[in-house]
Amino acid sequence: MSTPDSPSTARMLGVLGVPSSAAAHAPGLERGPAALREAGLLPALRAAGRDAVDHGDTSSARWRHDSPARTCPHDVERVAGVLGEARAALSALLAAGHAPLVLGGECTVTIALMAALADAGKDVALLYVDGGQDLQLPEDHPDEPIADSMGVAHLLDLPGAHDALAGIGPRRPLLVADRLCFVGYADDEEDVHGLVPSTRIPAAVVAADPAAAGLEALRVADRARDGFVVHLDVDVLDVFALPLADVPQYGRGLTLTQLRELLAVLLRAPGCLGLVLAEANPDRDDAAGTHMRALVDLVASALAPA
């Protein structure tokens, strides 16, 4: 994998907001991209030595109630519309030669980035830094039909995946299991059907040695021809370390220092094509925006040139 294709070099970052809570449990996440900008994301990146261009936002999509049992996942056509618009915007960003820094919104936005990379003919791996695995399938959880917990299942096009989500992109599946690594999850194993032979590095292993965990994840990334992207859900952090996650981890997640060390390995590696930052809910911040600023500092430091 060539160094010029990595955000660890001087390559220009392209920042795109996808302000959507359409796939979430409730409103709030649609305000995440604006809150990150208000917390000084762009100046922080430049102060850290990274040039960045702000590509603005896709259309805002606030969570809404959908008729019970009408669709599963909940409001799936609208979620697919959000991802389709994001895919087109990301394709333009990639065509400009920028390394994507995607601001969610909820976790499903990673589907849009993987689709845009596939549109560009890229064979990429996905390092999924998240408190969960997002492998739920519609038929497995009809009582909680939230697409936010189903993103990876649809990237892999697992049996029972909804066509509106699994069909986003030029091929199905958008991702194969040997190019996927789960990093930092503390929830229960979600591969209840034994369909996903991917590498798994749980939170306890990351906490013991974040740098070594990062290097293990990069061995998965090496399987892809064109590099890898990192998905970061802030719920990988213990809520007592940073209380921003839409679905918090209490006493089980990583500390800020552990996540910083992990991201430094991943985001500065040759072949890293971009980052998705998801699930930071401004409603959980204090009035002064203290925690959003801490998240901005974390991301900017991890994206700084080595």
C-alpha atoms as a PDB file:
ATOM      1  CA  MET A   1       0.000   0.000   0.000  1.00  0.00           C
ATOM      2  CA  SER A   2       1.512   3.296  -1.058  1.00  0.00           C
ATOM      3  CA  THR A   3       2.148   6.063   1.446  1.00  0.00           C
ATOM      4  CA  PRO A   4       0.671   8.837  -0.786  1.00  0.00           C
ATOM      5  CA  ASP A   5      -2.756   7.239  -0.328  1.00  0.00           C
ATOM      6  CA  SER A   6      -2.650   7.667   3.456  1.00  0.00           C
ATOM      7  CA  PRO A   7      -3.986  10.432   5.682  1.00  0.00           C
ATOM      8  CA  SER A   8      -0.744   9.915   7.629  1.00  0.00           C
ATOM      9  CA  THR A   9       0.959  11.959   4.907  1.00  0.00           C
ATOM     10  CA  ALA A  10       0.318  15.563   3.892  1.00  0.00           C
ATOM     11  CA  ARG A  11      -2.664  14.531   1.755  1.00  0.00           C
ATOM     12  CA  MET A  12      -5.544  16.997   2.014  1.00  0.00           C
ATOM     13  CA  LEU A  13      -8.384  15.950   4.280  1.00  0.00           C
ATOM     14  CA  GLY A  14     -11.904  16.376   2.950  1.00  0.00           C
ATOM     15  CA  VAL A  15     -14.411  16.901   5.752  1.00  0.00           C
ATOM     16  CA  LEU A  16     -18.013  15.906   5.022  1.00  0.00           C
ATOM     17  CA  GLY A  17     -20.872  16.006   7.500  1.00  0.00           C
ATOM     18  CA  VAL A  18     -23.748  13.531   7.285  1.00  0.00           C
ATOM     19  CA  PRO A  19     -26.161  15.036   9.850  1.00  0.00           C
ATOM     20  CA  SER A  20     -28.560  12.153  10.277  1.00  0.00           C
ATOM     21  CA  SER A  21     -30.275  10.382  13.142  1.00  0.00           C
ATOM     22  CA  ALA A  22     -32.672   8.615  10.756  1.00  0.00           C
ATOM     23  CA  ALA A  23     -31.226   5.202  11.612  1.00  0.00           C
ATOM     24  CA  ALA A  24     -30.839   5.891  15.338  1.00  0.00           C
ATOM     25  CA  HIS A  25     -33.039   5.263  18.371  1.00  0.00           C
ATOM     26  CA  ALA A  26     -34.002   8.925  18.781  1.00  0.00           C
ATOM     27  CA  PRO A  27     -33.045  12.439  17.625  1.00  0.00           C
ATOM     28  CA  GLY A  28     -29.793  14.159  18.546  1.00  0.00           C
ATOM     29  CA  LEU A  29     -27.095  12.687  16.329  1.00  0.00           C
ATOM     30  CA  GLU A  30     -28.140  14.874  13.402  1.00  0.00           C
ATOM     31  CA  ARG A  31     -26.563  17.787  15.291  1.00  0.00           C
ATOM     32  CA  GLY A  32     -23.210  16.034  15.629  1.00  0.00           C
ATOM     33  CA  PRO A  33     -21.392  17.469  12.585  1.00  0.00           C
ATOM     34  CA  ALA A  34     -22.312  21.060  13.490  1.00  0.00           C
ATOM     35  CA  ALA A  35     -21.252  20.495  17.102  1.00  0.00           C
ATOM     36  CA  LEU A  36     -17.870  19.139  16.019  1.00  0.00           C
ATOM     37  CA  ARG A  37     -17.284  22.171  13.825  1.00  0.00           C
ATOM     38  CA  GLU A  38     -18.393  24.507  16.627  1.00  0.00           C
ATOM     39  CA  ALA A  39     -15.920  22.735  18.919  1.00  0.00           C
ATOM     40  CA  GLY A  40     -13.127  23.806  16.559  1.00  0.00           C
ATOM     41  CA  LEU A  41     -12.497  20.710  14.460  1.00  0.00           C
ATOM     42  CA  LEU A  42     -11.144  22.489  11.374  1.00  0.00           C
ATOM     43  CA  PRO A  43      -8.776  24.831  13.272  1.00  0.00           C
ATOM     44  CA  ALA A  44      -7.627  21.907  15.432  1.00  0.00           C
ATOM     45  CA  LEU A  45      -6.740  19.847  12.366  1.00  0.00           C
ATOM     46  CA  ARG A  46      -4.770  22.720  10.863  1.00  0.00           C
ATOM     47  CA  ALA A  47      -3.010  23.384  14.171  1.00  0.00           C
ATOM     48  CA  ALA A  48      -2.035  19.708  14.205  1.00  0.00           C
ATOM     49  CA  GLY A  49      -0.432  20.091  10.785  1.00  0.00           C
ATOM     50  CA  ARG A  50      -3.218  18.735   8.576  1.00  0.00           C
ATOM     51  CA  ASP A  51      -4.640  20.712   5.684  1.00  0.00           C
ATOM     52  CA  ALA A  52      -8.394  20.258   5.435  1.00  0.00           C
ATOM     53  CA  VAL A  53     -11.179  21.346   3.096  1.00  0.00           C
ATOM     54  CA  ASP A  54     -14.722  21.492   4.421  1.00  0.00           C
ATOM     55  CA  HIS A  55     -17.127  19.938   1.904  1.00  0.00           C
ATOM     56  CA  GLY A  56     -20.132  20.958   3.995  1.00  0.00           C
ATOM     57  CA  ASP A  57     -23.031  18.695   4.897  1.00  0.00           C
ATOM     58  CA  THR A  58     -25.525  16.467   3.184  1.00  0.00           C
ATOM     59  CA  SER A  59     -29.189  17.123   3.935  1.00  0.00           C
ATOM     60  CA  SER A  60     -30.159  16.951   7.597  1.00  0.00           C
ATOM     61  CA  ALA A  61     -32.336  13.961   8.498  1.00  0.00           C
ATOM     62  CA  ARG A  62     -33.770  14.016  12.010  1.00  0.00           C
ATOM     63  CA  TRP A  63     -35.197  10.809  13.464  1.00  0.00           C
ATOM     64  CA  ARG A  64     -38.918  10.475  12.942  1.00  0.00           C
ATOM     65  CA  HIS A  65     -41.526   7.987  13.967  1.00  0.00           C
ATOM     66  CA  ASP A  66     -42.350   5.390  11.334  1.00  0.00           C
ATOM     67  CA  SER A  67     -45.525   3.333  11.490  1.00  0.00           C
ATOM     68  CA  PRO A  68     -45.030   0.258  13.691  1.00  0.00           C
ATOM     69  CA  ALA A  69     -44.259  -2.898  11.710  1.00  0.00           C
ATOM     70  CA  ARG A  70     -44.420  -1.000   8.421  1.00  0.00           C
ATOM     71  CA  THR A  71     -40.734  -1.365   7.717  1.00  0.00           C
ATOM     72  CA  CYS A  72     -37.865  -3.233   9.283  1.00  0.00           C
ATOM     73  CA  PRO A  73     -35.373  -1.678   9.718  1.00  0.00           C
ATOM     74  CA  HIS A  74     -37.238   1.373  10.972  1.00  0.00           C
ATOM     75  CA  ASP A  75     -37.759   4.066   8.296  1.00  0.00           C
ATOM     76  CA  VAL A  76     -35.469   2.107   5.984  1.00  0.00           C
ATOM     77  CA  GLU A  77     -36.279   3.958   2.755  1.00  0.00           C
ATOM     78  CA  ARG A  78     -35.341   7.267   4.357  1.00  0.00           C
ATOM     79  CA  VAL A  79     -32.131   5.779   5.770  1.00  0.00           C
ATOM     80  CA  ALA A  80     -31.251   4.532   2.284  1.00  0.00           C
ATOM     81  CA  GLY A  81     -31.904   8.014   0.900  1.00  0.00           C
ATOM     82  CA  VAL A  82     -29.494   9.532   3.402  1.00  0.00           C
ATOM     83  CA  LEU A  83     -26.824   7.023   2.409  1.00  0.00           C
ATOM     84  CA  GLY A  84     -27.406   7.553  -1.301  1.00  0.00           C
ATOM     85  CA  GLU A  85     -26.859  11.298  -0.965  1.00  0.00           C
ATOM     86  CA  ALA A  86     -23.764  10.715   1.184  1.00  0.00           C
ATOM     87  CA  ARG A  87     -22.382   8.237  -1.353  1.00  0.00           C
ATOM     88  CA  ALA A  88     -22.631  10.825  -4.132  1.00  0.00           C
ATOM     89  CA  ALA A  89     -21.004  13.538  -1.997  1.00  0.00           C
ATOM     90  CA  LEU A  90     -18.192  11.204  -0.981  1.00  0.00           C
ATOM     91  CA  SER A  91     -17.604  10.187  -4.593  1.00  0.00           C
ATOM     92  CA  ALA A  92     -17.059  13.862  -5.422  1.00  0.00           C
ATOM     93  CA  LEU A  93     -14.742  14.256  -2.425  1.00  0.00           C
ATOM     94  CA  LEU A  94     -12.676  11.242  -3.512  1.00  0.00           C
ATOM     95  CA  ALA A  95     -12.561  12.497  -7.096  1.00  0.00           C
ATOM     96  CA  ALA A  96     -11.039  15.720  -5.757  1.00  0.00           C
ATOM     97  CA  GLY A  97      -8.196  13.653  -4.315  1.00  0.00           C
ATOM     98  CA  HIS A  98      -9.113  14.299  -0.688  1.00  0.00           C
ATOM     99  CA  ALA A  99      -8.874  11.809   2.169  1.00  0.00           C
ATOM    100  CA  PRO A 100     -12.362  11.560   3.694  1.00  0.00           C
ATOM    101  CA  LEU A 101     -13.057  12.584   7.270  1.00  0.00           C
ATOM    102  CA  VAL A 102     -16.771  11.801   7.558  1.00  0.00           C
ATOM    103  CA  LEU A 103     -18.716  13.288  10.446  1.00  0.00           C
ATOM    104  CA  GLY A 104     -21.851  11.445  11.516  1.00  0.00           C
ATOM    105  CA  GLY A 105     -24.578  11.093  12.383  1.00  0.00           C
ATOM    106  CA  GLU A 106     -25.016   7.443  13.037  1.00  0.00           C
ATOM    107  CA  CYS A 107     -22.957   4.377  12.177  1.00  0.00           C
ATOM    108  CA  THR A 108     -24.710   3.520   8.920  1.00  0.00           C
ATOM    109  CA  VAL A 109     -22.782   6.321   7.177  1.00  0.00           C
ATOM    110  CA  THR A 110     -19.865   3.890   6.824  1.00  0.00           C
ATOM    111  CA  ILE A 111     -21.961   2.042   4.240  1.00  0.00           C
ATOM    112  CA  ALA A 112     -21.938   5.202   2.101  1.00  0.00           C
ATOM    113  CA  LEU A 113     -18.156   5.561   2.299  1.00  0.00           C
ATOM    114  CA  MET A 114     -17.579   1.924   1.398  1.00  0.00           C
ATOM    115  CA  ALA A 115     -19.961   2.314  -1.551  1.00  0.00           C
ATOM    116  CA  ALA A 116     -18.148   5.435  -2.790  1.00  0.00           C
ATOM    117  CA  LEU A 117     -14.794   3.655  -2.567  1.00  0.00           C
ATOM    118  CA  ALA A 118     -16.245   0.698  -4.483  1.00  0.00           C
ATOM    119  CA  ASP A 119     -17.542   3.146  -7.105  1.00  0.00           C
ATOM    120  CA  ALA A 120     -13.932   4.309  -7.476  1.00  0.00           C
ATOM    121  CA  GLY A 121     -12.789   0.729  -8.054  1.00  0.00           C
ATOM    122  CA  LYS A 122     -11.074   0.386  -4.677  1.00  0.00           C
ATOM    123  CA  ASP A 123     -10.572  -2.884  -2.816  1.00  0.00           C
ATOM    124  CA  VAL A 124     -10.420  -1.789   0.824  1.00  0.00           C
ATOM    125  CA  ALA A 125     -10.506  -3.230   4.335  1.00  0.00           C
ATOM    126  CA  LEU A 126     -12.544  -1.880   7.229  1.00  0.00           C
ATOM    127  CA  LEU A 127     -11.207  -1.508  10.771  1.00  0.00           C
ATOM    128  CA  TYR A 128     -14.344  -1.176  12.894  1.00  0.00           C
ATOM    129  CA  VAL A 129     -13.486   0.613  16.150  1.00  0.00           C
ATOM    130  CA  ASP A 130     -16.808   0.418  17.944  1.00  0.00           C
ATOM    131  CA  GLY A 131     -18.311  -0.663  21.249  1.00  0.00           C
ATOM    132  CA  GLY A 132     -20.456  -3.138  19.303  1.00  0.00           C
ATOM    133  CA  GLN A 133     -20.264  -5.035  16.024  1.00  0.00           C
ATOM    134  CA  ASP A 134     -23.476  -3.849  14.321  1.00  0.00           C
ATOM    135  CA  LEU A 135     -24.191  -7.339  13.037  1.00  0.00           C
ATOM    136  CA  GLN A 136     -27.863  -7.475  13.953  1.00  0.00           C
ATOM    137  CA  LEU A 137     -30.261  -8.582  11.225  1.00  0.00           C
ATOM    138  CA  PRO A 138     -33.850  -7.402  10.802  1.00  0.00           C
ATOM    139  CA  GLU A 139     -35.389 -10.804  11.519  1.00  0.00           C
ATOM    140  CA  ASP A 140     -33.244 -11.286  14.613  1.00  0.00           C
ATOM    141  CA  HIS A 141     -34.523  -8.175  16.366  1.00  0.00           C
ATOM    142  CA  PRO A 142     -37.993  -7.217  15.089  1.00  0.00           C
ATOM    143  CA  ASP A 143     -38.675  -5.709  18.512  1.00  0.00           C
ATOM    144  CA  GLU A 144     -35.789  -3.237  18.026  1.00  0.00           C
ATOM    145  CA  PRO A 145     -35.616  -2.645  14.267  1.00  0.00           C
ATOM    146  CA  ILE A 146     -32.930   0.074  14.367  1.00  0.00           C
ATOM    147  CA  ALA A 147     -30.619   0.186  11.335  1.00  0.00           C
ATOM    148  CA  ASP A 148     -27.906   1.803  13.428  1.00  0.00           C
ATOM    149  CA  SER A 149     -27.125  -1.626  14.872  1.00  0.00           C
ATOM    150  CA  MET A 150     -27.203  -3.371  11.469  1.00  0.00           C
ATOM    151  CA  GLY A 151     -24.614  -1.520   9.371  1.00  0.00           C
ATOM    152  CA  VAL A 152     -21.938  -4.208   9.186  1.00  0.00           C
ATOM    153  CA  ALA A 153     -24.512  -6.940   8.562  1.00  0.00           C
ATOM    154  CA  HIS A 154     -25.583  -5.004   5.472  1.00  0.00           C
ATOM    155  CA  LEU A 155     -22.017  -4.288   4.318  1.00  0.00           C
ATOM    156  CA  LEU A 156     -21.476  -8.062   4.402  1.00  0.00           C
ATOM    157  CA  ASP A 157     -24.909  -8.709   2.822  1.00  0.00           C
ATOM    158  CA  LEU A 158     -25.715 -11.366   5.395  1.00  0.00           C
ATOM    159  CA  PRO A 159     -28.808 -13.535   4.844  1.00  0.00           C
ATOM    160  CA  GLY A 160     -31.900 -11.502   5.648  1.00  0.00           C
ATOM    161  CA  ALA A 161     -30.273  -8.129   4.943  1.00  0.00           C
ATOM    162  CA  HIS A 162     -32.633  -5.503   3.526  1.00  0.00           C
ATOM    163  CA  ASP A 163     -32.114  -4.793  -0.180  1.00  0.00           C
ATOM    164  CA  ALA A 164     -32.447  -1.024   0.314  1.00  0.00           C
ATOM    165  CA  LEU A 165     -29.287  -1.005   2.459  1.00  0.00           C
ATOM    166  CA  ALA A 166     -27.300  -4.006   1.229  1.00  0.00           C
ATOM    167  CA  GLY A 167     -27.865  -2.874  -2.354  1.00  0.00           C
ATOM    168  CA  ILE A 168     -26.201   0.525  -1.934  1.00  0.00           C
ATOM    169  CA  GLY A 169     -23.109   0.451  -4.096  1.00  0.00           C
ATOM    170  CA  PRO A 170     -21.913  -1.192  -7.284  1.00  0.00           C
ATOM    171  CA  ARG A 171     -21.552  -4.708  -5.854  1.00  0.00           C
ATOM    172  CA  ARG A 172     -22.915  -7.028  -3.167  1.00  0.00           C
ATOM    173  CA  PRO A 173     -21.436  -7.505  -0.698  1.00  0.00           C
ATOM    174  CA  LEU A 174     -19.548  -4.239  -0.332  1.00  0.00           C
ATOM    175  CA  LEU A 175     -17.203  -5.949   2.122  1.00  0.00           C
ATOM    176  CA  VAL A 176     -15.969  -9.506   2.607  1.00  0.00           C
ATOM    177  CA  ALA A 177     -15.374 -10.863   6.092  1.00  0.00           C
ATOM    178  CA  ASP A 178     -11.623 -11.431   5.773  1.00  0.00           C
ATOM    179  CA  ARG A 179     -11.169  -7.687   5.165  1.00  0.00           C
ATOM    180  CA  LEU A 180     -13.014  -6.717   8.348  1.00  0.00           C
ATOM    181  CA  CYS A 181     -11.555  -6.339  11.833  1.00  0.00           C
ATOM    182  CA  PHE A 182     -13.639  -5.514  14.907  1.00  0.00           C
ATOM    183  CA  VAL A 183     -11.581  -3.458  17.354  1.00  0.00           C
ATOM    184  CA  GLY A 184     -12.500  -2.454  20.909  1.00  0.00           C
ATOM    185  CA  TYR A 185     -15.999  -3.918  21.213  1.00  0.00           C
ATOM    186  CA  ALA A 186     -17.288  -4.570  24.724  1.00  0.00           C
ATOM    187  CA  ASP A 187     -20.830  -5.705  23.922  1.00  0.00           C
ATOM    188  CA  ASP A 188     -21.742  -9.370  23.622  1.00  0.00           C
ATOM    189  CA  GLU A 189     -20.761 -11.285  20.501  1.00  0.00           C
ATOM    190  CA  GLU A 190     -23.322 -10.407  17.814  1.00  0.00           C
ATOM    191  CA  ASP A 191     -22.424 -13.069  15.242  1.00  0.00           C
ATOM    192  CA  VAL A 192     -25.133 -15.323  16.638  1.00  0.00           C
ATOM    193  CA  HIS A 193     -25.381 -17.351  13.412  1.00  0.00           C
ATOM    194  CA  GLY A 194     -21.629 -17.911  13.013  1.00  0.00           C
ATOM    195  CA  LEU A 195     -21.562 -16.244   9.599  1.00  0.00           C
ATOM    196  CA  VAL A 196     -18.716 -13.752  10.053  1.00  0.00           C
ATOM    197  CA  PRO A 197     -15.175 -15.206  10.219  1.00  0.00           C
ATOM    198  CA  SER A 198     -13.585 -11.804  10.836  1.00  0.00           C
ATOM    199  CA  THR A 199     -10.737 -10.873  13.170  1.00  0.00           C
ATOM    200  CA  ARG A 200     -11.934  -9.708  16.594  1.00  0.00           C
ATOM    201  CA  ILE A 201      -9.925  -7.624  19.082  1.00  0.00           C
ATOM    202  CA  PRO A 202     -12.146  -6.935  22.105  1.00  0.00           C
ATOM    203  CA  ALA A 203     -11.867  -3.972  24.441  1.00  0.00           C
ATOM    204  CA  ALA A 204      -9.949  -5.857  27.124  1.00  0.00           C
ATOM    205  CA  VAL A 205      -7.222  -6.778  24.621  1.00  0.00           C
ATOM    206  CA  VAL A 206      -6.996  -3.221  23.288  1.00  0.00           C
ATOM    207  CA  ALA A 207      -6.824  -1.825  26.815  1.00  0.00           C
ATOM    208  CA  ALA A 208      -3.911  -4.121  27.697  1.00  0.00           C
ATOM    209  CA  ASP A 209      -1.760  -2.906  24.783  1.00  0.00           C
ATOM    210  CA  PRO A 210      -3.384  -0.421  22.360  1.00  0.00           C
ATOM    211  CA  ALA A 211      -0.381  -0.243  20.026  1.00  0.00           C
ATOM    212  CA  ALA A 212      -0.135  -4.020  19.691  1.00  0.00           C
ATOM    213  CA  ALA A 213      -3.885  -4.215  19.036  1.00  0.00           C
ATOM    214  CA  GLY A 214      -3.471  -1.622  16.309  1.00  0.00           C
ATOM    215  CA  LEU A 215      -0.710  -3.613  14.659  1.00  0.00           C
ATOM    216  CA  GLU A 216      -2.868  -6.744  14.745  1.00  0.00           C
ATOM    217  CA  ALA A 217      -5.678  -4.839  13.030  1.00  0.00           C
ATOM    218  CA  LEU A 218      -3.276  -3.575  10.375  1.00  0.00           C
ATOM    219  CA  ARG A 219      -2.439  -7.165   9.452  1.00  0.00           C
ATOM    220  CA  VAL A 220      -6.082  -7.515   8.401  1.00  0.00           C
ATOM    221  CA  ALA A 221      -5.835  -4.253   6.459  1.00  0.00           C
ATOM    222  CA  ASP A 222      -2.902  -5.677   4.499  1.00  0.00           C
ATOM    223  CA  ARG A 223      -5.253  -8.195   2.865  1.00  0.00           C
ATOM    224  CA  ALA A 224      -6.886  -5.443   0.788  1.00  0.00           C
ATOM    225  CA  ARG A 225      -5.228  -4.204  -2.384  1.00  0.00           C
ATOM    226  CA  ASP A 226      -5.906  -0.493  -1.970  1.00  0.00           C
ATOM    227  CA  GLY A 227      -5.794   0.242   1.771  1.00  0.00           C
ATOM    228  CA  PHE A 228      -8.331   0.580   4.536  1.00  0.00           C
ATOM    229  CA  VAL A 229     -10.703   2.935   6.302  1.00  0.00           C
ATOM    230  CA  VAL A 230     -11.330   3.335  10.019  1.00  0.00           C
ATOM    231  CA  HIS A 231     -14.828   3.528  11.473  1.00  0.00           C
ATOM    232  CA  LEU A 232     -14.870   5.141  14.924  1.00  0.00           C
ATOM    233  CA  ASP A 233     -17.982   5.078  17.097  1.00  0.00           C
ATOM    234  CA  VAL A 234     -17.422   7.081  20.275  1.00  0.00           C
ATOM    235  CA  ASP A 235     -19.229   4.352  22.229  1.00  0.00           C
ATOM    236  CA  VAL A 236     -15.926   2.449  22.152  1.00  0.00           C
ATOM    237  CA  LEU A 237     -15.025   4.787  25.021  1.00  0.00           C
ATOM    238  CA  ASP A 238     -16.166   4.291  28.580  1.00  0.00           C
ATOM    239  CA  VAL A 239     -18.902   6.855  29.177  1.00  0.00           C
ATOM    240  CA  PHE A 240     -17.039   7.979  32.296  1.00  0.00           C
ATOM    241  CA  ALA A 241     -14.051   8.851  30.072  1.00  0.00           C
ATOM    242  CA  LEU A 242     -16.115  10.779  27.504  1.00  0.00           C
ATOM    243  CA  PRO A 243     -19.910  11.057  27.893  1.00  0.00           C
ATOM    244  CA  LEU A 244     -20.939  11.612  24.265  1.00  0.00           C
ATOM    245  CA  ALA A 245     -22.010   8.199  22.984  1.00  0.00           C
ATOM    246  CA  ASP A 246     -25.612   7.824  21.874  1.00  0.00           C
ATOM    247  CA  VAL A 247     -25.611   4.301  23.381  1.00  0.00           C
ATOM    248  CA  PRO A 248     -23.071   4.487  26.236  1.00  0.00           C
ATOM    249  CA  GLN A 249     -20.712   1.853  27.606  1.00  0.00           C
ATOM    250  CA  TYR A 250     -20.645   1.969  31.395  1.00  0.00           C
ATOM    251  CA  GLY A 251     -17.415   0.703  32.926  1.00  0.00           C
ATOM    252  CA  ARG A 252     -16.447  -1.454  29.927  1.00  0.00           C
ATOM    253  CA  GLY A 253     -15.060   0.847  27.247  1.00  0.00           C
ATOM    254  CA  LEU A 254     -11.626   2.307  26.543  1.00  0.00           C
ATOM    255  CA  THR A 255     -10.045   5.328  28.164  1.00  0.00           C
ATOM    256  CA  LEU A 256      -9.117   8.396  26.126  1.00  0.00           C
ATOM    257  CA  THR A 257      -5.425   7.524  26.421  1.00  0.00           C
ATOM    258  CA  GLN A 258      -5.994   3.965  25.183  1.00  0.00           C
ATOM    259  CA  LEU A 259      -8.041   5.135  22.203  1.00  0.00           C
ATOM    260  CA  ARG A 260      -5.496   7.855  21.375  1.00  0.00           C
ATOM    261  CA  GLU A 261      -2.689   5.269  21.288  1.00  0.00           C
ATOM    262  CA  LEU A 262      -4.749   2.900  19.130  1.00  0.00           C
ATOM    263  CA  LEU A 263      -5.746   5.592  16.631  1.00  0.00           C
ATOM    264  CA  ALA A 264      -2.176   6.852  16.328  1.00  0.00           C
ATOM    265  CA  VAL A 265      -1.196   3.418  15.012  1.00  0.00           C
ATOM    266  CA  LEU A 266      -4.162   3.053  12.675  1.00  0.00           C
ATOM    267  CA  LEU A 267      -4.511   6.552  11.231  1.00  0.00           C
ATOM    268  CA  ARG A 268      -0.798   7.113  10.628  1.00  0.00           C
ATOM    269  CA  ALA A 269      -0.292   3.785   8.870  1.00  0.00           C
ATOM    270  CA  PRO A 270       0.467   3.708   5.159  1.00  0.00           C
ATOM    271  CA  GLY A 271      -2.702   2.702   3.362  1.00  0.00           C
ATOM    272  CA  CYS A 272      -5.175   4.457   5.659  1.00  0.00           C
ATOM    273  CA  LEU A 273      -7.645   6.073   3.281  1.00  0.00           C
ATOM    274  CA  GLY A 274      -9.945   7.875   5.706  1.00  0.00           C
ATOM    275  CA  LEU A 275     -11.960   8.007   8.903  1.00  0.00           C
ATOM    276  CA  VAL A 276     -15.651   7.912   9.793  1.00  0.00           C
ATOM    277  CA  LEU A 277     -16.460   9.536  13.152  1.00  0.00           C
ATOM    278  CA  ALA A 278     -19.917   8.544  14.374  1.00  0.00           C
ATOM    279  CA  GLU A 279     -22.370   8.634  17.265  1.00  0.00           C
ATOM    280  CA  ALA A 280     -21.233  11.766  19.128  1.00  0.00           C
ATOM    281  CA  ASN A 281     -24.496  13.150  20.522  1.00  0.00           C
ATOM    282  CA  PRO A 282     -24.317  16.852  21.510  1.00  0.00           C
ATOM    283  CA  ASP A 283     -27.278  16.360  23.842  1.00  0.00           C
ATOM    284  CA  ARG A 284     -24.917  14.464  26.161  1.00  0.00           C
ATOM    285  CA  ASP A 285     -22.354  17.285  26.350  1.00  0.00           C
ATOM    286  CA  ASP A 286     -22.258  19.947  29.041  1.00  0.00           C
ATOM    287  CA  ALA A 287     -23.280  23.561  28.406  1.00  0.00           C
ATOM    288  CA  ALA A 288     -19.693  24.615  27.738  1.00  0.00           C
ATOM    289  CA  GLY A 289     -19.114  21.938  25.075  1.00  0.00           C
ATOM    290  CA  THR A 290     -16.248  20.463  27.102  1.00  0.00           C
ATOM    291  CA  HIS A 291     -16.577  16.910  25.852  1.00  0.00           C
ATOM    292  CA  MET A 292     -16.927  17.769  22.163  1.00  0.00           C
ATOM    293  CA  ARG A 293     -13.705  19.753  22.454  1.00  0.00           C
ATOM    294  CA  ALA A 294     -12.029  16.744  24.048  1.00  0.00           C
ATOM    295  CA  LEU A 295     -13.184  14.581  21.125  1.00  0.00           C
ATOM    296  CA  VAL A 296     -11.894  17.156  18.640  1.00  0.00           C
ATOM    297  CA  ASP A 297      -8.519  17.156  20.375  1.00  0.00           C
ATOM    298  CA  LEU A 298      -8.411  13.353  20.273  1.00  0.00           C
ATOM    299  CA  VAL A 299      -9.194  13.169  16.545  1.00  0.00           C
ATOM    300  CA  ALA A 300      -6.887  16.021  15.540  1.00  0.00           C
ATOM    301  CA  SER A 301      -3.960  14.561  17.470  1.00  0.00           C
ATOM    302  CA  ALA A 302      -4.511  11.119  15.943  1.00  0.00           C
ATOM    303  CA  LEU A 303      -4.623  12.586  12.427  1.00  0.00           C
ATOM    304  CA  ALA A 304      -1.494  14.714  12.959  1.00  0.00           C
ATOM    305  CA  PRO A 305       1.499  13.747  10.814  1.00  0.00           C
ATOM    306  CA  ALA A 306       3.738  11.242  12.563  1.00  0.00           C
END
